[in-house]
C-alpha atoms as a PDB file:
ATOM      1  CA  MET A   1     -80.192-100.544 -43.475  1.00  0.00           C
ATOM      2  CA  ASN A   2     -80.499 -97.681 -41.000  1.00  0.00           C
ATOM      3  CA  PHE A   3     -82.811 -94.749 -41.725  1.00  0.00           C
ATOM      4  CA  ARG A   4     -81.326 -92.517 -39.045  1.00  0.00           C
ATOM      5  CA  SER A   5     -82.869 -89.473 -40.716  1.00  0.00           C
ATOM      6  CA  VAL A   6     -85.531 -88.832 -43.343  1.00  0.00           C
ATOM      7  CA  ALA A   7     -86.276 -86.035 -45.811  1.00  0.00           C
ATOM      8  CA  ILE A   8     -89.913 -85.566 -46.851  1.00  0.00           C
ATOM      9  CA  LEU A   9     -90.606 -83.629 -50.034  1.00  0.00           C
ATOM     10  CA  GLY A  10     -93.939 -81.863 -49.665  1.00  0.00           C
ATOM     11  CA  SER A  11     -95.204 -79.788 -46.753  1.00  0.00           C
ATOM     12  CA  GLY A  12     -98.894 -80.436 -47.369  1.00  0.00           C
ATOM     13  CA  SER A  13    -101.244 -82.618 -45.356  1.00  0.00           C
ATOM     14  CA  PHE A  14     -99.697 -85.963 -46.231  1.00  0.00           C
ATOM     15  CA  GLY A  15     -96.089 -84.882 -45.830  1.00  0.00           C
ATOM     16  CA  THR A  16     -96.944 -83.427 -42.427  1.00  0.00           C
ATOM     17  CA  ALA A  17     -98.836 -86.562 -41.392  1.00  0.00           C
ATOM     18  CA  ILE A  18     -96.008 -88.898 -42.452  1.00  0.00           C
ATOM     19  CA  ALA A  19     -93.520 -86.777 -40.516  1.00  0.00           C
ATOM     20  CA  LYS A  20     -95.672 -87.024 -37.389  1.00  0.00           C
ATOM     21  CA  LEU A  21     -96.173 -90.770 -37.922  1.00  0.00           C
ATOM     22  CA  LEU A  22     -92.445 -91.495 -38.223  1.00  0.00           C
ATOM     23  CA  SER A  23     -91.282 -89.089 -35.514  1.00  0.00           C
ATOM     24  CA  PRO A  24     -91.016 -91.799 -32.783  1.00  0.00           C
ATOM     25  CA  LYS A  25     -88.812 -93.975 -35.029  1.00  0.00           C
ATOM     26  CA  VAL A  26     -86.430 -91.454 -36.646  1.00  0.00           C
ATOM     27  CA  GLY A  27     -83.905 -89.150 -35.041  1.00  0.00           C
ATOM     28  CA  GLU A  28     -84.239 -86.305 -37.550  1.00  0.00           C
ATOM     29  CA  ILE A  29     -87.008 -85.545 -40.043  1.00  0.00           C
ATOM     30  CA  LEU A  30     -86.723 -82.682 -42.523  1.00  0.00           C
ATOM     31  CA  ILE A  31     -89.847 -81.519 -44.359  1.00  0.00           C
ATOM     32  CA  ILE A  32     -88.965 -79.698 -47.579  1.00  0.00           C
ATOM     33  CA  GLY A  33     -91.660 -77.523 -49.139  1.00  0.00           C
ATOM     34  CA  ARG A  34     -92.035 -74.441 -51.279  1.00  0.00           C
ATOM     35  CA  GLU A  35     -93.632 -72.004 -48.821  1.00  0.00           C
ATOM     36  CA  GLU A  36     -91.350 -70.082 -46.495  1.00  0.00           C
ATOM     37  CA  ASP A  37     -94.208 -69.332 -44.080  1.00  0.00           C
ATOM     38  CA  VAL A  38     -94.950 -73.044 -43.670  1.00  0.00           C
ATOM     39  CA  ALA A  39     -91.297 -73.772 -42.879  1.00  0.00           C
ATOM     40  CA  ARG A  40     -91.208 -70.909 -40.368  1.00  0.00           C
ATOM     41  CA  GLY A  41     -94.399 -72.098 -38.717  1.00  0.00           C
ATOM     42  CA  ILE A  42     -93.115 -75.654 -38.318  1.00  0.00           C
ATOM     43  CA  ASN A  43     -89.751 -74.510 -36.970  1.00  0.00           C
ATOM     44  CA  SER A  44     -90.980 -71.813 -34.599  1.00  0.00           C
ATOM     45  CA  GLU A  45     -94.510 -72.818 -33.617  1.00  0.00           C
ATOM     46  CA  ARG A  46     -94.239 -76.625 -34.021  1.00  0.00           C
ATOM     47  CA  ARG A  47     -97.291 -76.546 -36.294  1.00  0.00           C
ATOM     48  CA  ASN A  48     -97.938 -76.425 -40.024  1.00  0.00           C
ATOM     49  CA  PRO A  49     -99.862 -73.153 -40.402  1.00  0.00           C
ATOM     50  CA  ARG A  50    -101.672 -74.256 -43.593  1.00  0.00           C
ATOM     51  CA  TYR A  51    -102.320 -77.973 -43.245  1.00  0.00           C
ATOM     52  CA  LEU A  52    -103.327 -80.014 -40.203  1.00  0.00           C
ATOM     53  CA  SER A  53    -102.683 -76.882 -38.168  1.00  0.00           C
ATOM     54  CA  SER A  54    -104.075 -78.361 -34.955  1.00  0.00           C
ATOM     55  CA  VAL A  55    -101.418 -81.099 -34.902  1.00  0.00           C
ATOM     56  CA  VAL A  56     -98.392 -80.378 -32.699  1.00  0.00           C
ATOM     57  CA  LEU A  57     -95.156 -81.565 -34.316  1.00  0.00           C
ATOM     58  CA  PRO A  58     -92.299 -82.966 -32.188  1.00  0.00           C
ATOM     59  CA  ALA A  59     -88.965 -81.173 -31.945  1.00  0.00           C
ATOM     60  CA  ASN A  60     -87.187 -83.698 -34.195  1.00  0.00           C
ATOM     61  CA  ILE A  61     -89.235 -82.427 -37.163  1.00  0.00           C
ATOM     62  CA  THR A  62     -87.835 -79.356 -38.912  1.00  0.00           C
ATOM     63  CA  ALA A  63     -88.651 -77.720 -42.233  1.00  0.00           C
ATOM     64  CA  GLY A  64     -86.937 -75.874 -45.070  1.00  0.00           C
ATOM     65  CA  THR A  65     -87.289 -74.982 -48.746  1.00  0.00           C
ATOM     66  CA  ASP A  66     -83.953 -76.148 -50.203  1.00  0.00           C
ATOM     67  CA  ILE A  67     -84.471 -79.487 -51.962  1.00  0.00           C
ATOM     68  CA  ALA A  68     -80.706 -80.022 -52.152  1.00  0.00           C
ATOM     69  CA  ALA A  69     -80.744 -80.583 -48.383  1.00  0.00           C
ATOM     70  CA  ALA A  70     -82.467 -83.919 -49.008  1.00  0.00           C
ATOM     71  CA  ALA A  71     -79.169 -85.329 -50.281  1.00  0.00           C
ATOM     72  CA  ALA A  72     -77.905 -85.610 -46.707  1.00  0.00           C
ATOM     73  CA  HIS A  73     -80.542 -88.187 -45.742  1.00  0.00           C
ATOM     74  CA  PRO A  74     -80.637 -91.950 -46.437  1.00  0.00           C
ATOM     75  CA  LEU A  75     -84.374 -91.922 -47.195  1.00  0.00           C
ATOM     76  CA  VAL A  76     -86.310 -89.375 -49.279  1.00  0.00           C
ATOM     77  CA  ILE A  77     -90.096 -89.598 -49.211  1.00  0.00           C
ATOM     78  CA  PHE A  78     -92.022 -88.021 -52.078  1.00  0.00           C
ATOM     79  CA  ALA A  79     -95.252 -86.535 -50.698  1.00  0.00           C
ATOM     80  CA  VAL A  80     -95.712 -83.959 -53.463  1.00  0.00           C
ATOM     81  CA  PRO A  81     -98.598 -83.906 -55.971  1.00  0.00           C
ATOM     82  CA  THR A  82     -98.254 -86.150 -58.996  1.00  0.00           C
ATOM     83  CA  ALA A  83     -97.582 -83.208 -61.314  1.00  0.00           C
ATOM     84  CA  ALA A  84     -94.584 -82.112 -59.231  1.00  0.00           C
ATOM     85  CA  THR A  85     -92.833 -85.486 -58.949  1.00  0.00           C
ATOM     86  CA  ARG A  86     -90.754 -85.298 -62.137  1.00  0.00           C
ATOM     87  CA  ALA A  87     -89.426 -81.804 -61.403  1.00  0.00           C
ATOM     88  CA  CYS A  88     -88.503 -82.804 -57.843  1.00  0.00           C
ATOM     89  CA  ALA A  89     -86.710 -85.927 -59.070  1.00  0.00           C
ATOM     90  CA  GLU A  90     -84.763 -83.896 -61.614  1.00  0.00           C
ATOM     91  CA  ASP A  91     -83.812 -81.365 -58.941  1.00  0.00           C
ATOM     92  CA  LEU A  92     -82.570 -84.149 -56.668  1.00  0.00           C
ATOM     93  CA  ALA A  93     -80.466 -85.559 -59.485  1.00  0.00           C
ATOM     94  CA  LYS A  94     -78.873 -82.150 -59.973  1.00  0.00           C
ATOM     95  CA  ALA A  95     -78.189 -81.947 -56.242  1.00  0.00           C
ATOM     96  CA  GLY A  96     -76.002 -85.053 -56.425  1.00  0.00           C
ATOM     97  CA  LEU A  97     -78.182 -87.461 -54.465  1.00  0.00           C
ATOM     98  CA  PRO A  98     -76.095 -90.480 -53.360  1.00  0.00           C
ATOM     99  CA  ALA A  99     -76.964 -93.749 -55.118  1.00  0.00           C
ATOM    100  CA  SER A 100     -77.520 -95.401 -51.729  1.00  0.00           C
ATOM    101  CA  CYS A 101     -80.431 -93.078 -50.890  1.00  0.00           C
ATOM    102  CA  VAL A 102     -83.794 -94.867 -50.927  1.00  0.00           C
ATOM    103  CA  LEU A 103     -86.683 -93.118 -52.693  1.00  0.00           C
ATOM    104  CA  LEU A 104     -90.234 -93.750 -51.445  1.00  0.00           C
ATOM    105  CA  SER A 105     -93.170 -92.387 -53.439  1.00  0.00           C
ATOM    106  CA  CYS A 106     -96.504 -91.724 -51.737  1.00  0.00           C
ATOM    107  CA  ALA A 107     -98.144 -89.882 -54.657  1.00  0.00           C
ATOM    108  CA  LYS A 108    -101.343 -91.424 -56.020  1.00  0.00           C
ATOM    109  CA  GLY A 109    -101.540 -90.685 -59.710  1.00  0.00           C
ATOM    110  CA  ILE A 110    -100.021 -91.218 -63.128  1.00  0.00           C
ATOM    111  CA  GLU A 111     -98.450 -88.509 -65.238  1.00  0.00           C
ATOM    112  CA  LYS A 112    -100.592 -86.729 -67.781  1.00  0.00           C
ATOM    113  CA  HIS A 113     -99.852 -87.548 -71.454  1.00  0.00           C
ATOM    114  CA  THR A 114     -96.963 -89.943 -70.711  1.00  0.00           C
ATOM    115  CA  GLY A 115     -98.978 -92.291 -68.495  1.00  0.00           C
ATOM    116  CA  ASP A 116     -95.844 -92.870 -66.408  1.00  0.00           C
ATOM    117  CA  ARG A 117     -96.210 -94.099 -62.861  1.00  0.00           C
ATOM    118  CA  MET A 118     -94.302 -92.241 -60.130  1.00  0.00           C
ATOM    119  CA  SER A 119     -91.760 -95.036 -59.660  1.00  0.00           C
ATOM    120  CA  GLN A 120     -90.999 -94.917 -63.383  1.00  0.00           C
ATOM    121  CA  ILE A 121     -90.451 -91.169 -63.175  1.00  0.00           C
ATOM    122  CA  LEU A 122     -88.081 -91.578 -60.220  1.00  0.00           C
ATOM    123  CA  ARG A 123     -86.098 -94.266 -62.018  1.00  0.00           C
ATOM    124  CA  ALA A 124     -85.791 -92.104 -65.129  1.00  0.00           C
ATOM    125  CA  SER A 125     -84.061 -89.297 -63.210  1.00  0.00           C
ATOM    126  CA  LEU A 126     -82.329 -91.364 -60.518  1.00  0.00           C
ATOM    127  CA  PRO A 127     -81.657 -94.777 -62.080  1.00  0.00           C
ATOM    128  CA  SER A 128     -79.135 -95.908 -59.472  1.00  0.00           C
ATOM    129  CA  ASN A 129     -81.337 -95.350 -56.418  1.00  0.00           C
ATOM    130  CA  PRO A 130     -83.607 -97.992 -54.851  1.00  0.00           C
ATOM    131  CA  VAL A 131     -87.263 -97.056 -55.457  1.00  0.00           C
ATOM    132  CA  ALA A 132     -90.299 -98.035 -53.404  1.00  0.00           C
ATOM    133  CA  VAL A 133     -93.931 -96.944 -53.164  1.00  0.00           C
ATOM    134  CA  LEU A 134     -96.409 -96.703 -50.292  1.00  0.00           C
ATOM    135  CA  SER A 135    -100.173 -96.741 -50.711  1.00  0.00           C
ATOM    136  CA  GLY A 136    -103.403 -97.741 -49.002  1.00  0.00           C
ATOM    137  CA  PRO A 137    -106.376 -96.268 -47.125  1.00  0.00           C
ATOM    138  CA  ASN A 138    -104.321 -93.568 -45.410  1.00  0.00           C
ATOM    139  CA  HIS A 139    -106.064 -90.233 -44.955  1.00  0.00           C
ATOM    140  CA  ALA A 140    -103.608 -87.700 -43.560  1.00  0.00           C
ATOM    141  CA  GLU A 141    -106.136 -86.342 -41.061  1.00  0.00           C
ATOM    142  CA  GLU A 142    -106.294 -89.700 -39.285  1.00  0.00           C
ATOM    143  CA  LEU A 143    -102.614 -90.641 -39.554  1.00  0.00           C
ATOM    144  CA  ALA A 144    -101.603 -87.350 -37.957  1.00  0.00           C
ATOM    145  CA  ILE A 145    -103.613 -87.990 -34.793  1.00  0.00           C
ATOM    146  CA  GLY A 146    -102.554 -91.584 -34.388  1.00  0.00           C
ATOM    147  CA  GLN A 147    -105.667 -93.419 -35.532  1.00  0.00           C
ATOM    148  CA  PRO A 148    -104.980 -97.007 -36.685  1.00  0.00           C
ATOM    149  CA  ALA A 149    -104.267 -97.737 -40.342  1.00  0.00           C
ATOM    150  CA  CYS A 150    -102.586-100.212 -42.684  1.00  0.00           C
ATOM    151  CA  ALA A 151    -100.622 -99.706 -45.884  1.00  0.00           C
ATOM    152  CA  VAL A 152     -98.718-101.665 -48.495  1.00  0.00           C
ATOM    153  CA  ILE A 153     -95.091-100.943 -49.405  1.00  0.00           C
ATOM    154  CA  GLY A 154     -94.051-101.964 -52.893  1.00  0.00           C
ATOM    155  CA  CYS A 155     -90.406-102.649 -53.695  1.00  0.00           C
ATOM    156  CA  GLU A 156     -88.541-105.167 -55.837  1.00  0.00           C
ATOM    157  CA  ASP A 157     -85.533-105.178 -53.490  1.00  0.00           C
ATOM    158  CA  ALA A 158     -86.377-107.433 -50.523  1.00  0.00           C
ATOM    159  CA  ALA A 159     -83.803-105.814 -48.215  1.00  0.00           C
ATOM    160  CA  VAL A 160     -85.180-102.330 -48.888  1.00  0.00           C
ATOM    161  CA  ALA A 161     -88.769-103.543 -48.474  1.00  0.00           C
ATOM    162  CA  ASP A 162     -87.930-105.140 -45.121  1.00  0.00           C
ATOM    163  CA  ALA A 163     -86.155-102.006 -43.900  1.00  0.00           C
ATOM    164  CA  LEU A 164     -89.086 -99.775 -44.865  1.00  0.00           C
ATOM    165  CA  GLN A 165     -91.555-102.195 -43.300  1.00  0.00           C
ATOM    166  CA  GLU A 166     -89.616-102.088 -40.029  1.00  0.00           C
ATOM    167  CA  LEU A 167     -89.457 -98.288 -40.149  1.00  0.00           C
ATOM    168  CA  PHE A 168     -93.198 -97.896 -40.676  1.00  0.00           C
ATOM    169  CA  THR A 169     -94.261-100.551 -38.165  1.00  0.00           C
ATOM    170  CA  LEU A 170     -95.816 -98.728 -35.229  1.00  0.00           C
ATOM    171  CA  PRO A 171     -98.500 -99.642 -32.676  1.00  0.00           C
ATOM    172  CA  GLN A 172    -101.113 -97.826 -34.769  1.00  0.00           C
ATOM    173  CA  PHE A 173     -99.701 -98.482 -38.241  1.00  0.00           C
ATOM    174  CA  ARG A 174     -99.278-101.885 -39.900  1.00  0.00           C
ATOM    175  CA  PRO A 175     -97.445-102.053 -43.244  1.00  0.00           C
ATOM    176  CA  TYR A 176     -97.432-105.043 -45.596  1.00  0.00           C
ATOM    177  CA  THR A 177     -95.007-105.580 -48.492  1.00  0.00           C
ATOM    178  CA  SER A 178     -95.384-106.502 -52.148  1.00  0.00           C
ATOM    179  CA  THR A 179     -93.243-106.611 -55.280  1.00  0.00           C
ATOM    180  CA  ASP A 180     -96.107-105.375 -57.515  1.00  0.00           C
ATOM    181  CA  LEU A 181     -95.233-101.692 -57.827  1.00  0.00           C
ATOM    182  CA  ALA A 182     -97.403-101.299 -60.936  1.00  0.00           C
ATOM    183  CA  GLY A 183    -100.509-102.689 -59.269  1.00  0.00           C
ATOM    184  CA  ILE A 184    -100.015-100.674 -56.091  1.00  0.00           C
ATOM    185  CA  GLU A 185     -99.513 -97.406 -57.961  1.00  0.00           C
ATOM    186  CA  LEU A 186    -102.329 -98.015 -60.424  1.00  0.00           C
ATOM    187  CA  GLY A 187    -104.807 -98.863 -57.686  1.00  0.00           C
ATOM    188  CA  GLY A 188    -103.914 -95.708 -55.768  1.00  0.00           C
ATOM    189  CA  ALA A 189    -104.292 -93.588 -58.899  1.00  0.00           C
ATOM    190  CA  ILE A 190    -107.384 -95.056 -60.547  1.00  0.00           C
ATOM    191  CA  LYS A 191    -109.499 -95.040 -57.374  1.00  0.00           C
ATOM    192  CA  ASN A 192    -109.387 -91.226 -57.347  1.00  0.00           C
ATOM    193  CA  VAL A 193    -111.663 -91.135 -60.390  1.00  0.00           C
ATOM    194  CA  TYR A 194    -114.201 -93.398 -58.711  1.00  0.00           C
ATOM    195  CA  ALA A 195    -114.199 -91.225 -55.601  1.00  0.00           C
ATOM    196  CA  ILE A 196    -115.362 -88.338 -57.783  1.00  0.00           C
ATOM    197  CA  ALA A 197    -118.041 -90.594 -59.287  1.00  0.00           C
ATOM    198  CA  ALA A 198    -119.247 -91.669 -55.834  1.00  0.00           C
ATOM    199  CA  GLY A 199    -119.357 -88.055 -54.704  1.00  0.00           C
ATOM    200  CA  ILE A 200    -121.404 -87.124 -57.769  1.00  0.00           C
ATOM    201  CA  ALA A 201    -123.853 -89.948 -57.032  1.00  0.00           C
ATOM    202  CA  HIS A 202    -124.194 -88.781 -53.435  1.00  0.00           C
ATOM    203  CA  GLY A 203    -124.635 -85.184 -54.580  1.00  0.00           C
ATOM    204  CA  LEU A 204    -127.371 -86.196 -57.004  1.00  0.00           C
ATOM    205  CA  GLY A 205    -129.174 -88.014 -54.201  1.00  0.00           C
ATOM    206  CA  LEU A 206    -129.162 -91.343 -56.020  1.00  0.00           C
ATOM    207  CA  GLY A 207    -129.232 -93.328 -52.768  1.00  0.00           C
ATOM    208  CA  ASP A 208    -127.080 -95.883 -50.997  1.00  0.00           C
ATOM    209  CA  ASN A 209    -128.040 -98.743 -53.310  1.00  0.00           C
ATOM    210  CA  ALA A 210    -126.799 -96.836 -56.346  1.00  0.00           C
ATOM    211  CA  VAL A 211    -123.543 -95.774 -54.696  1.00  0.00           C
ATOM    212  CA  ALA A 212    -122.835 -99.322 -53.487  1.00  0.00           C
ATOM    213  CA  ALA A 213    -123.432-100.644 -57.010  1.00  0.00           C
ATOM    214  CA  LEU A 214    -121.226 -97.930 -58.491  1.00  0.00           C
ATOM    215  CA  VAL A 215    -118.316 -98.700 -56.159  1.00  0.00           C
ATOM    216  CA  THR A 216    -118.641-102.443 -56.750  1.00  0.00           C
ATOM    217  CA  ARG A 217    -118.528-102.021 -60.517  1.00  0.00           C
ATOM    218  CA  ALA A 218    -115.678 -99.527 -60.056  1.00  0.00           C
ATOM    219  CA  LEU A 219    -113.615-102.268 -58.414  1.00  0.00           C
ATOM    220  CA  ALA A 220    -114.217-104.559 -61.400  1.00  0.00           C
ATOM    221  CA  GLU A 221    -113.294-101.749 -63.803  1.00  0.00           C
ATOM    222  CA  MET A 222    -110.204-100.746 -61.824  1.00  0.00           C
ATOM    223  CA  THR A 223    -108.989-104.345 -61.806  1.00  0.00           C
ATOM    224  CA  ARG A 224    -109.621-104.736 -65.540  1.00  0.00           C
ATOM    225  CA  LEU A 225    -107.713-101.562 -66.398  1.00  0.00           C
ATOM    226  CA  GLY A 226    -104.984-102.114 -63.820  1.00  0.00           C
ATOM    227  CA  VAL A 227    -104.187-105.568 -65.152  1.00  0.00           C
ATOM    228  CA  ALA A 228    -104.172-104.222 -68.715  1.00  0.00           C
ATOM    229  CA  LEU A 229    -101.599-101.643 -67.599  1.00  0.00           C
ATOM    230  CA  GLY A 230     -99.306-104.175 -65.945  1.00  0.00           C
ATOM    231  CA  GLY A 231    -100.603-104.761 -62.407  1.00  0.00           C
ATOM    232  CA  ARG A 232    -101.319-108.154 -60.848  1.00  0.00           C
ATOM    233  CA  ILE A 233    -104.968-109.050 -60.314  1.00  0.00           C
ATOM    234  CA  GLU A 234    -104.583-109.919 -56.621  1.00  0.00           C
ATOM    235  CA  THR A 235    -103.166-106.484 -55.814  1.00  0.00           C
ATOM    236  CA  PHE A 236    -106.484-104.805 -56.604  1.00  0.00           C
ATOM    237  CA  ALA A 237    -108.179-106.923 -53.931  1.00  0.00           C
ATOM    238  CA  GLY A 238    -105.708-105.518 -51.376  1.00  0.00           C
ATOM    239  CA  LEU A 239    -105.050-102.325 -49.477  1.00  0.00           C
ATOM    240  CA  SER A 240    -104.040-100.193 -52.457  1.00  0.00           C
ATOM    241  CA  GLY A 241    -107.039-101.459 -54.448  1.00  0.00           C
ATOM    242  CA  VAL A 242    -110.320-102.151 -52.697  1.00  0.00           C
ATOM    243  CA  GLY A 243    -109.028-100.719 -49.396  1.00  0.00           C
ATOM    244  CA  ASP A 244    -108.181 -97.314 -50.814  1.00  0.00           C
ATOM    245  CA  LEU A 245    -111.244 -97.389 -53.071  1.00  0.00           C
ATOM    246  CA  LEU A 246    -113.609 -97.823 -50.124  1.00  0.00           C
ATOM    247  CA  VAL A 247    -112.123 -95.104 -47.955  1.00  0.00           C
ATOM    248  CA  THR A 248    -111.885 -92.521 -50.720  1.00  0.00           C
ATOM    249  CA  CYS A 249    -115.418 -93.189 -51.989  1.00  0.00           C
ATOM    250  CA  PHE A 250    -117.070 -92.830 -48.575  1.00  0.00           C
ATOM    251  CA  SER A 251    -114.855 -90.784 -46.239  1.00  0.00           C
ATOM    252  CA  GLU A 252    -115.553 -87.183 -45.313  1.00  0.00           C
ATOM    253  CA  HIS A 253    -111.785 -86.607 -45.597  1.00  0.00           C
ATOM    254  CA  SER A 254    -111.686 -87.554 -49.302  1.00  0.00           C
ATOM    255  CA  ARG A 255    -110.952 -84.483 -51.407  1.00  0.00           C
ATOM    256  CA  ASN A 256    -112.036 -86.260 -54.576  1.00  0.00           C
ATOM    257  CA  HIS A 257    -115.354 -87.295 -53.059  1.00  0.00           C
ATOM    258  CA  ARG A 258    -115.943 -83.694 -51.958  1.00  0.00           C
ATOM    259  CA  VAL A 259    -115.294 -82.442 -55.500  1.00  0.00           C
ATOM    260  CA  GLY A 260    -117.785 -84.978 -56.859  1.00  0.00           C
ATOM    261  CA  LEU A 261    -120.323 -84.066 -54.195  1.00  0.00           C
ATOM    262  CA  ALA A 262    -120.154 -80.418 -55.248  1.00  0.00           C
ATOM    263  CA  LEU A 263    -120.534 -81.361 -58.922  1.00  0.00           C
ATOM    264  CA  GLY A 264    -123.543 -83.519 -58.137  1.00  0.00           C
ATOM    265  CA  ARG A 265    -125.132 -80.602 -56.311  1.00  0.00           C
ATOM    266  CA  GLY A 266    -124.822 -78.417 -59.388  1.00  0.00           C
ATOM    267  CA  LYS A 267    -121.558 -76.548 -58.896  1.00  0.00           C
ATOM    268  CA  SER A 268    -119.080 -76.084 -61.711  1.00  0.00           C
ATOM    269  CA  LEU A 269    -115.700 -77.807 -61.606  1.00  0.00           C
ATOM    270  CA  GLU A 270    -114.017 -74.466 -60.976  1.00  0.00           C
ATOM    271  CA  GLU A 271    -116.330 -73.771 -58.028  1.00  0.00           C
ATOM    272  CA  ALA A 272    -115.802 -77.263 -56.621  1.00  0.00           C
ATOM    273  CA  ILE A 273    -112.015 -76.949 -56.756  1.00  0.00           C
ATOM    274  CA  GLY A 274    -112.132 -73.419 -55.364  1.00  0.00           C
ATOM    275  CA  ASP A 275    -114.250 -74.506 -52.402  1.00  0.00           C
ATOM    276  CA  LEU A 276    -111.820 -77.342 -51.656  1.00  0.00           C
ATOM    277  CA  GLY A 277    -108.754 -75.085 -51.510  1.00  0.00           C
ATOM    278  CA  MET A 278    -106.382 -78.059 -51.905  1.00  0.00           C
ATOM    279  CA  VAL A 279    -105.228 -80.412 -54.650  1.00  0.00           C
ATOM    280  CA  ALA A 280    -107.729 -83.145 -55.556  1.00  0.00           C
ATOM    281  CA  GLU A 281    -105.585 -85.597 -57.522  1.00  0.00           C
ATOM    282  CA  GLY A 282    -108.654 -87.160 -59.126  1.00  0.00           C
ATOM    283  CA  VAL A 283    -109.269 -84.148 -61.349  1.00  0.00           C
ATOM    284  CA  PRO A 284    -106.000 -84.268 -63.352  1.00  0.00           C
ATOM    285  CA  ASN A 285    -105.888 -88.049 -62.845  1.00  0.00           C
ATOM    286  CA  THR A 286    -109.189 -88.450 -64.654  1.00  0.00           C
ATOM    287  CA  LEU A 287    -107.574 -87.054 -67.793  1.00  0.00           C
ATOM    288  CA  SER A 288    -104.350 -89.079 -67.489  1.00  0.00           C
ATOM    289  CA  ILE A 289    -106.181 -92.309 -66.630  1.00  0.00           C
ATOM    290  CA  PHE A 290    -108.724 -91.792 -69.413  1.00  0.00           C
ATOM    291  CA  GLU A 291    -105.800 -91.386 -71.831  1.00  0.00           C
ATOM    292  CA  ALA A 292    -104.161 -94.538 -70.461  1.00  0.00           C
ATOM    293  CA  SER A 293    -107.374 -96.532 -70.804  1.00  0.00           C
ATOM    294  CA  GLN A 294    -107.734 -95.415 -74.398  1.00  0.00           C
ATOM    295  CA  ARG A 295    -104.175 -96.494 -75.194  1.00  0.00           C
ATOM    296  CA  ALA A 296    -104.758 -99.850 -73.501  1.00  0.00           C
ATOM    297  CA  GLY A 297    -108.078-100.417 -75.267  1.00  0.00           C
ATOM    298  CA  ALA A 298    -109.762-101.223 -71.939  1.00  0.00           C
ATOM    299  CA  ARG A 299    -113.505-100.917 -71.361  1.00  0.00           C
ATOM    300  CA  THR A 300    -113.937 -98.243 -68.671  1.00  0.00           C
ATOM    301  CA  PRO A 301    -117.481 -96.805 -68.685  1.00  0.00           C
ATOM    302  CA  ILE A 302    -117.230 -95.162 -65.241  1.00  0.00           C
ATOM    303  CA  ILE A 303    -113.944 -93.445 -66.052  1.00  0.00           C
ATOM    304  CA  ASP A 304    -115.438 -92.368 -69.380  1.00  0.00           C
ATOM    305  CA  ALA A 305    -118.465 -90.892 -67.602  1.00  0.00           C
ATOM    306  CA  VAL A 306    -116.378 -88.884 -65.115  1.00  0.00           C
ATOM    307  CA  HIS A 307    -114.139 -87.681 -67.954  1.00  0.00           C
ATOM    308  CA  SER A 308    -117.196 -86.476 -69.880  1.00  0.00           C
ATOM    309  CA  ILE A 309    -118.390 -84.511 -66.840  1.00  0.00           C
ATOM    310  CA  LEU A 310    -115.025 -82.907 -66.035  1.00  0.00           C
ATOM    311  CA  TYR A 311    -113.651 -82.311 -69.513  1.00  0.00           C
ATOM    312  CA  GLN A 312    -116.576 -82.379 -71.952  1.00  0.00           C
ATOM    313  CA  HIS A 313    -119.072 -80.428 -69.830  1.00  0.00           C
ATOM    314  CA  LYS A 314    -121.686 -83.173 -69.833  1.00  0.00           C
ATOM    315  CA  PRO A 315    -124.315 -82.681 -67.092  1.00  0.00           C
ATOM    316  CA  ALA A 316    -123.617 -84.994 -64.166  1.00  0.00           C
ATOM    317  CA  ALA A 317    -127.152 -86.410 -64.034  1.00  0.00           C
ATOM    318  CA  GLU A 318    -127.072 -87.214 -67.750  1.00  0.00           C
ATOM    319  CA  ALA A 319    -123.724 -89.012 -67.500  1.00  0.00           C
ATOM    320  CA  MET A 320    -124.893 -91.078 -64.536  1.00  0.00           C
ATOM    321  CA  MET A 321    -128.122 -92.093 -66.247  1.00  0.00           C
ATOM    322  CA  GLU A 322    -126.164 -93.171 -69.314  1.00  0.00           C
ATOM    323  CA  LEU A 323    -124.230 -95.599 -67.096  1.00  0.00           C
ATOM    324  CA  LEU A 324    -127.509 -97.235 -66.085  1.00  0.00           C
ATOM    325  CA  SER A 325    -128.871 -97.414 -69.630  1.00  0.00           C
ATOM    326  CA  ARG A 326    -125.898 -99.231 -71.198  1.00  0.00           C
ATOM    327  CA  ASP A 327    -126.338-102.677 -72.718  1.00  0.00           C
ATOM    328  CA  THR A 328    -126.618-105.406 -70.088  1.00  0.00           C
ATOM    329  CA  ARG A 329    -123.903-108.036 -69.658  1.00  0.00           C
ATOM    330  CA  THR A 330    -122.801-110.753 -67.233  1.00  0.00           C
ATOM    331  CA  GLU A 331    -121.347-109.673 -63.892  1.00  0.00           C
ATOM    332  CA  SER A 332    -117.996-111.301 -64.643  1.00  0.00           C
ATOM    333  CA  GLU A 333    -117.417-109.029 -67.652  1.00  0.00           C
END
């Protein structure tokens, strides 16, 4: 399987970073976004004028706004926000995407109201195409400048998984493979909520002990919910589970942590999002994951607390104190 060229849907930070990461391995990379000025900037200045603007992009990376152009490439990478995945998949189906084209989702979220994972959405619109997912502790800011990282690629087709693993294997990037798409996607989505919680705890000045305890119990909760929703328990101890949880709860690059930090310091959700100026997937994900946990009947006190802060206007300090005052139980529960 030869990925001689790649189309990347999404001209934001992650799409730009993935393009830069793959540029030594692929002859032609096309970034497809919505903003004409971003496409012009990439094509004429070799930089994305809105995201990661200090990163110089090689000449084999070009940009456009016509999603139908993706049909000419053997690999299409979805680096769009969760909410845009279904529309992009439907547009690709209309464009006559060949059945041989591999689809790789990098979005970390589940769809609001339906609870569908991104791979399920892709299969609904493009049932004949091989589908894979990529997740892990992969902040775009570090990938784009060549700092070392690992990821996990999920795919049920061994040949496709091997081909993607070979493509993404670089001196500074080490990919692993798995067949547990559900676990990989759920870990990448659920951890966003906990990043907001960790940011809130930091913003409230609760201390390192409290944040460490919160993240530890978040891992137990994420595993409990993820297994209830179809993931395998061992996946949540891997890169898309604990790995992504740690980086997003503590990194200065984490958008979700920054939203939580602002909330903990007394800002409204609208102010926190406005200050960020980018999509923080954890905000809509909190609603979709809360809905999924309710349908599954899983016990998720941390998710419930973040949901009450974001969507029920509960004061952050009150919600956090309620977590501490719950009935005690054994650690294994």
